[in-house]
Amino acid sequence: MKIAVYTIAKNEEQFVKRWADSCKEADYRLILDTGSTDETTAIAWDIGVTTHHKEFTPWRFDHARNHALSLLPEDIDICIASSA
């Protein structure tokens, strides 16, 4: 069974390491960045978290969530949404 943990983030550099540590045993970790102007994605990338970037205008959480889910590998059995 493969488990993925994903989050939607924007300007979360102060929390990204803690988030990554909290789900380090997952088979796959993904951050969908929605327009950070800080180092959120660089930090995540450096510690081995898969990162993607997409901005949503106007902001719609459901569109961001659905896009994040579409980025997960097809062989994932369980998806856990988590806050960064």
PDB file of N, CA and C in Angstrom:
ATOM      1  N   MET A   1       0.839  -1.171   0.000  1.00  0.00           N
ATOM      2  CA  MET A   1       0.000   0.000   0.000  1.00  0.00           C
ATOM      3  C   MET A   1       0.890   1.242   0.000  1.00  0.00           C
ATOM      4  N   LYS A   2       0.616   2.175  -0.917  1.00  0.00           N
ATOM      5  CA  LYS A   2       1.399   3.409  -1.010  1.00  0.00           C
ATOM      6  C   LYS A   2       0.584   4.593  -0.495  1.00  0.00           C
ATOM      7  N   ILE A   3       1.251   5.404   0.318  1.00  0.00           N
ATOM      8  CA  ILE A   3       0.612   6.562   0.937  1.00  0.00           C
ATOM      9  C   ILE A   3       1.277   7.841   0.462  1.00  0.00           C
ATOM     10  N   ALA A   4       0.448   8.808   0.103  1.00  0.00           N
ATOM     11  CA  ALA A   4       0.937  10.130  -0.283  1.00  0.00           C
ATOM     12  C   ALA A   4       0.392  11.168   0.682  1.00  0.00           C
ATOM     13  N   VAL A   5       1.231  12.130   1.015  1.00  0.00           N
ATOM     14  CA  VAL A   5       0.803  13.281   1.798  1.00  0.00           C
ATOM     15  C   VAL A   5       1.045  14.505   0.930  1.00  0.00           C
ATOM     16  N   TYR A   6       0.023  15.358   0.829  1.00  0.00           N
ATOM     17  CA  TYR A   6       0.171  16.540  -0.006  1.00  0.00           C
ATOM     18  C   TYR A   6      -0.372  17.757   0.717  1.00  0.00           C
ATOM     19  N   THR A   7       0.107  18.920   0.274  1.00  0.00           N
ATOM     20  CA  THR A   7      -0.384  20.172   0.823  1.00  0.00           C
ATOM     21  C   THR A   7      -0.366  21.240  -0.252  1.00  0.00           C
ATOM     22  N   ILE A   8      -1.160  22.245  -0.024  1.00  0.00           N
ATOM     23  CA  ILE A   8      -1.194  23.432  -0.862  1.00  0.00           C
ATOM     24  C   ILE A   8      -0.561  24.537  -0.025  1.00  0.00           C
ATOM     25  N   ALA A   9       0.404  25.256  -0.588  1.00  0.00           N
ATOM     26  CA  ALA A   9       1.146  26.215   0.219  1.00  0.00           C
ATOM     27  C   ALA A   9       1.393  27.518  -0.529  1.00  0.00           C
ATOM     28  N   LYS A  10       1.564  28.561   0.255  1.00  0.00           N
ATOM     29  CA  LYS A  10       1.995  29.863  -0.268  1.00  0.00           C
ATOM     30  C   LYS A  10       2.711  30.582   0.871  1.00  0.00           C
ATOM     31  N   ASN A  11       3.981  30.881   0.638  1.00  0.00           N
ATOM     32  CA  ASN A  11       4.810  31.587   1.626  1.00  0.00           C
ATOM     33  C   ASN A  11       4.839  30.879   2.975  1.00  0.00           C
ATOM     34  N   GLU A  12       5.249  29.627   2.952  1.00  0.00           N
ATOM     35  CA  GLU A  12       5.288  28.795   4.160  1.00  0.00           C
ATOM     36  C   GLU A  12       6.708  28.356   4.522  1.00  0.00           C
ATOM     37  N   GLU A  13       7.721  29.160   4.161  1.00  0.00           N
ATOM     38  CA  GLU A  13       9.101  28.741   4.402  1.00  0.00           C
ATOM     39  C   GLU A  13       9.394  28.429   5.867  1.00  0.00           C
ATOM     40  N   GLN A  14       8.720  29.087   6.775  1.00  0.00           N
ATOM     41  CA  GLN A  14       8.998  28.840   8.197  1.00  0.00           C
ATOM     42  C   GLN A  14       8.439  27.509   8.681  1.00  0.00           C
ATOM     43  N   PHE A  15       7.531  26.902   7.900  1.00  0.00           N
ATOM     44  CA  PHE A  15       6.901  25.660   8.331  1.00  0.00           C
ATOM     45  C   PHE A  15       7.226  24.444   7.468  1.00  0.00           C
ATOM     46  N   VAL A  16       7.832  24.650   6.316  1.00  0.00           N
ATOM     47  CA  VAL A  16       7.966  23.558   5.345  1.00  0.00           C
ATOM     48  C   VAL A  16       8.833  22.410   5.863  1.00  0.00           C
ATOM     49  N   LYS A  17       9.889  22.697   6.578  1.00  0.00           N
ATOM     50  CA  LYS A  17      10.731  21.607   7.115  1.00  0.00           C
ATOM     51  C   LYS A  17       9.963  20.779   8.151  1.00  0.00           C
ATOM     52  N   ARG A  18       9.237  21.455   9.009  1.00  0.00           N
ATOM     53  CA  ARG A  18       8.451  20.744  10.018  1.00  0.00           C
ATOM     54  C   ARG A  18       7.378  19.877   9.356  1.00  0.00           C
ATOM     55  N   TRP A  19       6.747  20.430   8.312  1.00  0.00           N
ATOM     56  CA  TRP A  19       5.744  19.655   7.575  1.00  0.00           C
ATOM     57  C   TRP A  19       6.388  18.416   6.960  1.00  0.00           C
ATOM     58  N   ALA A  20       7.518  18.588   6.302  1.00  0.00           N
ATOM     59  CA  ALA A  20       8.191  17.465   5.649  1.00  0.00           C
ATOM     60  C   ALA A  20       8.606  16.405   6.662  1.00  0.00           C
ATOM     61  N   ASP A  21       9.091  16.830   7.819  1.00  0.00           N
ATOM     62  CA  ASP A  21       9.467  15.874   8.866  1.00  0.00           C
ATOM     63  C   ASP A  21       8.255  15.108   9.387  1.00  0.00           C
ATOM     64  N   SER A  22       7.113  15.777   9.451  1.00  0.00           N
ATOM     65  CA  SER A  22       5.920  15.135  10.009  1.00  0.00           C
ATOM     66  C   SER A  22       5.387  14.013   9.120  1.00  0.00           C
ATOM     67  N   CYS A  23       5.758  14.031   7.860  1.00  0.00           N
ATOM     68  CA  CYS A  23       5.250  13.008   6.936  1.00  0.00           C
ATOM     69  C   CYS A  23       6.384  12.276   6.224  1.00  0.00           C
ATOM     70  N   LYS A  24       7.543  12.233   6.844  1.00  0.00           N
ATOM     71  CA  LYS A  24       8.720  11.648   6.196  1.00  0.00           C
ATOM     72  C   LYS A  24       8.581  10.157   5.891  1.00  0.00           C
ATOM     73  N   GLU A  25       7.665   9.471   6.547  1.00  0.00           N
ATOM     74  CA  GLU A  25       7.510   8.038   6.292  1.00  0.00           C
ATOM     75  C   GLU A  25       6.521   7.736   5.163  1.00  0.00           C
ATOM     76  N   ALA A  26       5.924   8.776   4.598  1.00  0.00           N
ATOM     77  CA  ALA A  26       5.019   8.574   3.461  1.00  0.00           C
ATOM     78  C   ALA A  26       5.840   8.134   2.247  1.00  0.00           C
ATOM     79  N   ASP A  27       5.196   7.434   1.357  1.00  0.00           N
ATOM     80  CA  ASP A  27       5.868   7.003   0.134  1.00  0.00           C
ATOM     81  C   ASP A  27       6.081   8.166  -0.827  1.00  0.00           C
ATOM     82  N   TYR A  28       5.252   9.185  -0.708  1.00  0.00           N
ATOM     83  CA  TYR A  28       5.321  10.312  -1.628  1.00  0.00           C
ATOM     84  C   TYR A  28       4.854  11.561  -0.896  1.00  0.00           C
ATOM     85  N   ARG A  29       5.613  12.647  -1.030  1.00  0.00           N
ATOM     86  CA  ARG A  29       5.240  13.929  -0.436  1.00  0.00           C
ATOM     87  C   ARG A  29       5.200  14.973  -1.545  1.00  0.00           C
ATOM     88  N   LEU A  30       4.143  15.778  -1.556  1.00  0.00           N
ATOM     89  CA  LEU A  30       3.960  16.754  -2.615  1.00  0.00           C
ATOM     90  C   LEU A  30       3.498  18.083  -2.047  1.00  0.00           C
ATOM     91  N   ILE A  31       4.108  19.153  -2.532  1.00  0.00           N
ATOM     92  CA  ILE A  31       3.656  20.497  -2.219  1.00  0.00           C
ATOM     93  C   ILE A  31       3.265  21.163  -3.527  1.00  0.00           C
ATOM     94  N   LEU A  32       2.033  21.664  -3.578  1.00  0.00           N
ATOM     95  CA  LEU A  32       1.607  22.505  -4.684  1.00  0.00           C
ATOM     96  C   LEU A  32       1.719  23.937  -4.195  1.00  0.00           C
ATOM     97  N   ASP A  33       2.689  24.666  -4.725  1.00  0.00           N
ATOM     98  CA  ASP A  33       2.890  26.056  -4.350  1.00  0.00           C
ATOM     99  C   ASP A  33       1.993  26.929  -5.217  1.00  0.00           C
ATOM    100  N   THR A  34       1.295  27.859  -4.593  1.00  0.00           N
ATOM    101  CA  THR A  34       0.332  28.674  -5.321  1.00  0.00           C
ATOM    102  C   THR A  34       0.758  30.134  -5.431  1.00  0.00           C
ATOM    103  N   GLY A  35       2.067  30.355  -5.473  1.00  0.00           N
ATOM    104  CA  GLY A  35       2.550  31.718  -5.709  1.00  0.00           C
ATOM    105  C   GLY A  35       3.438  32.288  -4.625  1.00  0.00           C
ATOM    106  N   SER A  36       4.212  31.459  -3.982  1.00  0.00           N
ATOM    107  CA  SER A  36       5.103  31.944  -2.923  1.00  0.00           C
ATOM    108  C   SER A  36       6.112  32.950  -3.468  1.00  0.00           C
ATOM    109  N   THR A  37       6.408  33.939  -2.628  1.00  0.00           N
ATOM    110  CA  THR A  37       7.467  34.894  -2.940  1.00  0.00           C
ATOM    111  C   THR A  37       8.648  34.707  -1.995  1.00  0.00           C
ATOM    112  N   ASP A  38       8.583  33.692  -1.159  1.00  0.00           N
ATOM    113  CA  ASP A  38       9.678  33.377  -0.243  1.00  0.00           C
ATOM    114  C   ASP A  38      10.388  32.113  -0.728  1.00  0.00           C
ATOM    115  N   GLU A  39      11.057  31.411   0.137  1.00  0.00           N
ATOM    116  CA  GLU A  39      11.856  30.243  -0.240  1.00  0.00           C
ATOM    117  C   GLU A  39      11.143  28.904  -0.013  1.00  0.00           C
ATOM    118  N   THR A  40       9.833  28.911   0.055  1.00  0.00           N
ATOM    119  CA  THR A  40       9.073  27.687   0.325  1.00  0.00           C
ATOM    120  C   THR A  40       9.474  26.556  -0.610  1.00  0.00           C
ATOM    121  N   THR A  41       9.419  26.773  -1.907  1.00  0.00           N
ATOM    122  CA  THR A  41       9.687  25.681  -2.848  1.00  0.00           C
ATOM    123  C   THR A  41      11.154  25.277  -2.856  1.00  0.00           C
ATOM    124  N   ALA A  42      12.055  26.229  -2.712  1.00  0.00           N
ATOM    125  CA  ALA A  42      13.488  25.899  -2.694  1.00  0.00           C
ATOM    126  C   ALA A  42      13.830  25.023  -1.492  1.00  0.00           C
ATOM    127  N   ILE A  43      13.289  25.363  -0.349  1.00  0.00           N
ATOM    128  CA  ILE A  43      13.536  24.561   0.857  1.00  0.00           C
ATOM    129  C   ILE A  43      12.956  23.161   0.681  1.00  0.00           C
ATOM    130  N   ALA A  44      11.718  23.099   0.215  1.00  0.00           N
ATOM    131  CA  ALA A  44      11.077  21.794   0.021  1.00  0.00           C
ATOM    132  C   ALA A  44      11.870  20.939  -0.954  1.00  0.00           C
ATOM    133  N   TRP A  45      12.270  21.505  -2.055  1.00  0.00           N
ATOM    134  CA  TRP A  45      13.037  20.775  -3.073  1.00  0.00           C
ATOM    135  C   TRP A  45      14.348  20.257  -2.483  1.00  0.00           C
ATOM    136  N   ASP A  46      15.019  21.109  -1.715  1.00  0.00           N
ATOM    137  CA  ASP A  46      16.309  20.724  -1.118  1.00  0.00           C
ATOM    138  C   ASP A  46      16.193  19.558  -0.152  1.00  0.00           C
ATOM    139  N   ILE A  47      15.035  19.385   0.477  1.00  0.00           N
ATOM    140  CA  ILE A  47      14.882  18.286   1.435  1.00  0.00           C
ATOM    141  C   ILE A  47      14.127  17.098   0.830  1.00  0.00           C
ATOM    142  N   GLY A  48      13.976  17.116  -0.486  1.00  0.00           N
ATOM    143  CA  GLY A  48      13.457  15.940  -1.172  1.00  0.00           C
ATOM    144  C   GLY A  48      11.952  15.860  -1.355  1.00  0.00           C
ATOM    145  N   VAL A  49      11.260  16.970  -1.193  1.00  0.00           N
ATOM    146  CA  VAL A  49       9.813  16.986  -1.387  1.00  0.00           C
ATOM    147  C   VAL A  49       9.517  17.369  -2.838  1.00  0.00           C
ATOM    148  N   THR A  50       8.627  16.642  -3.475  1.00  0.00           N
ATOM    149  CA  THR A  50       8.220  16.975  -4.832  1.00  0.00           C
ATOM    150  C   THR A  50       7.417  18.267  -4.786  1.00  0.00           C
ATOM    151  N   THR A  51       7.790  19.222  -5.620  1.00  0.00           N
ATOM    152  CA  THR A  51       7.103  20.508  -5.634  1.00  0.00           C
ATOM    153  C   THR A  51       6.608  20.842  -7.035  1.00  0.00           C
ATOM    154  N   HIS A  52       5.460  21.469  -7.073  1.00  0.00           N
ATOM    155  CA  HIS A  52       4.884  21.983  -8.318  1.00  0.00           C
ATOM    156  C   HIS A  52       4.377  23.387  -8.035  1.00  0.00           C
ATOM    157  N   HIS A  53       4.239  24.179  -9.081  1.00  0.00           N
ATOM    158  CA  HIS A  53       3.789  25.559  -8.933  1.00  0.00           C
ATOM    159  C   HIS A  53       2.629  25.839  -9.885  1.00  0.00           C
ATOM    160  N   LYS A  54       1.582  26.416  -9.342  1.00  0.00           N
ATOM    161  CA  LYS A  54       0.463  26.866 -10.174  1.00  0.00           C
ATOM    162  C   LYS A  54      -0.318  27.909  -9.385  1.00  0.00           C
ATOM    163  N   GLU A  55      -0.590  29.039 -10.040  1.00  0.00           N
ATOM    164  CA  GLU A  55      -1.396  30.087  -9.412  1.00  0.00           C
ATOM    165  C   GLU A  55      -2.820  30.003  -9.933  1.00  0.00           C
ATOM    166  N   PHE A  56      -3.753  30.301  -9.056  1.00  0.00           N
ATOM    167  CA  PHE A  56      -5.177  30.235  -9.383  1.00  0.00           C
ATOM    168  C   PHE A  56      -5.789  31.618  -9.191  1.00  0.00           C
ATOM    169  N   THR A  57      -6.294  32.182 -10.291  1.00  0.00           N
ATOM    170  CA  THR A  57      -6.904  33.504 -10.240  1.00  0.00           C
ATOM    171  C   THR A  57      -8.255  33.435 -10.924  1.00  0.00           C
ATOM    172  N   PRO A  58      -9.315  33.708 -10.218  1.00  0.00           N
ATOM    173  CA  PRO A  58      -9.364  34.000  -8.784  1.00  0.00           C
ATOM    174  C   PRO A  58      -9.066  32.736  -7.970  1.00  0.00           C
ATOM    175  N   TRP A  59      -8.676  32.948  -6.721  1.00  0.00           N
ATOM    176  CA  TRP A  59      -8.341  31.826  -5.840  1.00  0.00           C
ATOM    177  C   TRP A  59      -9.569  30.953  -5.611  1.00  0.00           C
ATOM    178  N   ARG A  60      -9.367  29.662  -5.834  1.00  0.00           N
ATOM    179  CA  ARG A  60     -10.405  28.666  -5.532  1.00  0.00           C
ATOM    180  C   ARG A  60      -9.708  27.473  -4.901  1.00  0.00           C
ATOM    181  N   PHE A  61     -10.009  27.224  -3.630  1.00  0.00           N
ATOM    182  CA  PHE A  61      -9.376  26.103  -2.944  1.00  0.00           C
ATOM    183  C   PHE A  61      -9.682  24.788  -3.637  1.00  0.00           C
ATOM    184  N   ASP A  62     -10.919  24.608  -4.084  1.00  0.00           N
ATOM    185  CA  ASP A  62     -11.273  23.339  -4.716  1.00  0.00           C
ATOM    186  C   ASP A  62     -10.484  23.110  -5.997  1.00  0.00           C
ATOM    187  N   HIS A  63     -10.195  24.158  -6.751  1.00  0.00           N
ATOM    188  CA  HIS A  63      -9.379  23.987  -7.959  1.00  0.00           C
ATOM    189  C   HIS A  63      -7.943  23.621  -7.588  1.00  0.00           C
ATOM    190  N   ALA A  64      -7.409  24.277  -6.566  1.00  0.00           N
ATOM    191  CA  ALA A  64      -6.044  23.963  -6.125  1.00  0.00           C
ATOM    192  C   ALA A  64      -5.957  22.529  -5.615  1.00  0.00           C
ATOM    193  N   ARG A  65      -6.932  22.124  -4.809  1.00  0.00           N
ATOM    194  CA  ARG A  65      -6.942  20.754  -4.282  1.00  0.00           C
ATOM    195  C   ARG A  65      -7.028  19.735  -5.411  1.00  0.00           C
ATOM    196  N   ASN A  66      -7.925  19.959  -6.344  1.00  0.00           N
ATOM    197  CA  ASN A  66      -8.075  19.023  -7.457  1.00  0.00           C
ATOM    198  C   ASN A  66      -6.818  18.961  -8.307  1.00  0.00           C
ATOM    199  N   HIS A  67      -6.173  20.097  -8.496  1.00  0.00           N
ATOM    200  CA  HIS A  67      -4.926  20.094  -9.266  1.00  0.00           C
ATOM    201  C   HIS A  67      -3.840  19.313  -8.519  1.00  0.00           C
ATOM    202  N   ALA A  68      -3.729  19.537  -7.210  1.00  0.00           N
ATOM    203  CA  ALA A  68      -2.744  18.796  -6.411  1.00  0.00           C
ATOM    204  C   ALA A  68      -2.993  17.297  -6.514  1.00  0.00           C
ATOM    205  N   LEU A  69      -4.233  16.895  -6.411  1.00  0.00           N
ATOM    206  CA  LEU A  69      -4.553  15.467  -6.515  1.00  0.00           C
ATOM    207  C   LEU A  69      -4.188  14.908  -7.890  1.00  0.00           C
ATOM    208  N   SER A  70      -4.344  15.707  -8.918  1.00  0.00           N
ATOM    209  CA  SER A  70      -4.014  15.236 -10.271  1.00  0.00           C
ATOM    210  C   SER A  70      -2.514  15.041 -10.465  1.00  0.00           C
ATOM    211  N   LEU A  71      -1.710  15.641  -9.606  1.00  0.00           N
ATOM    212  CA  LEU A  71      -0.249  15.521  -9.708  1.00  0.00           C
ATOM    213  C   LEU A  71       0.303  14.279  -9.006  1.00  0.00           C
ATOM    214  N   LEU A  72      -0.525  13.611  -8.233  1.00  0.00           N
ATOM    215  CA  LEU A  72      -0.063  12.422  -7.509  1.00  0.00           C
ATOM    216  C   LEU A  72       0.051  11.232  -8.455  1.00  0.00           C
ATOM    217  N   PRO A  73       1.021  10.359  -8.209  1.00  0.00           N
ATOM    218  CA  PRO A  73       1.156   9.164  -9.049  1.00  0.00           C
ATOM    219  C   PRO A  73      -0.105   8.292  -8.981  1.00  0.00           C
ATOM    220  N   GLU A  74      -0.379   7.603 -10.048  1.00  0.00           N
ATOM    221  CA  GLU A  74      -1.589   6.790 -10.118  1.00  0.00           C
ATOM    222  C   GLU A  74      -1.556   5.572  -9.196  1.00  0.00           C
ATOM    223  N   ASP A  75      -0.369   5.144  -8.761  1.00  0.00           N
ATOM    224  CA  ASP A  75      -0.286   3.947  -7.926  1.00  0.00           C
ATOM    225  C   ASP A  75      -0.424   4.244  -6.428  1.00  0.00           C
ATOM    226  N   ILE A  76      -0.804   5.470  -6.085  1.00  0.00           N
ATOM    227  CA  ILE A  76      -1.025   5.825  -4.680  1.00  0.00           C
ATOM    228  C   ILE A  76      -2.373   5.251  -4.235  1.00  0.00           C
ATOM    229  N   ASP A  77      -2.385   4.610  -3.075  1.00  0.00           N
ATOM    230  CA  ASP A  77      -3.607   4.024  -2.535  1.00  0.00           C
ATOM    231  C   ASP A  77      -4.352   4.951  -1.576  1.00  0.00           C
ATOM    232  N   ILE A  78      -3.602   5.726  -0.788  1.00  0.00           N
ATOM    233  CA  ILE A  78      -4.199   6.609   0.198  1.00  0.00           C
ATOM    234  C   ILE A  78      -3.567   8.001   0.063  1.00  0.00           C
ATOM    235  N   CYS A  79      -4.411   9.036   0.001  1.00  0.00           N
ATOM    236  CA  CYS A  79      -3.943  10.425  -0.074  1.00  0.00           C
ATOM    237  C   CYS A  79      -4.344  11.127   1.208  1.00  0.00           C
ATOM    238  N   ILE A  80      -3.382  11.784   1.825  1.00  0.00           N
ATOM    239  CA  ILE A  80      -3.642  12.524   3.049  1.00  0.00           C
ATOM    240  C   ILE A  80      -3.344  14.000   2.784  1.00  0.00           C
ATOM    241  N   ALA A  81      -4.340  14.848   2.985  1.00  0.00           N
ATOM    242  CA  ALA A  81      -4.137  16.287   2.874  1.00  0.00           C
ATOM    243  C   ALA A  81      -3.646  16.792   4.226  1.00  0.00           C
ATOM    244  N   SER A  82      -2.645  17.649   4.187  1.00  0.00           N
ATOM    245  CA  SER A  82      -2.049  18.133   5.405  1.00  0.00           C
ATOM    246  C   SER A  82      -1.725  19.614   5.251  1.00  0.00           C
ATOM    247  N   SER A  83      -1.717  20.344   6.336  1.00  0.00           N
ATOM    248  CA  SER A  83      -1.369  21.767   6.292  1.00  0.00           C
ATOM    249  C   SER A  83       0.126  21.946   6.454  1.00  0.00           C
ATOM    250  N   ALA A  84       0.669  22.864   5.671  1.00  0.00           N
ATOM    251  CA  ALA A  84       2.108  23.143   5.762  1.00  0.00           C
ATOM    252  C   ALA A  84       2.403  23.997   6.958  1.00  0.00           C
TER     253      ALA A  84
END
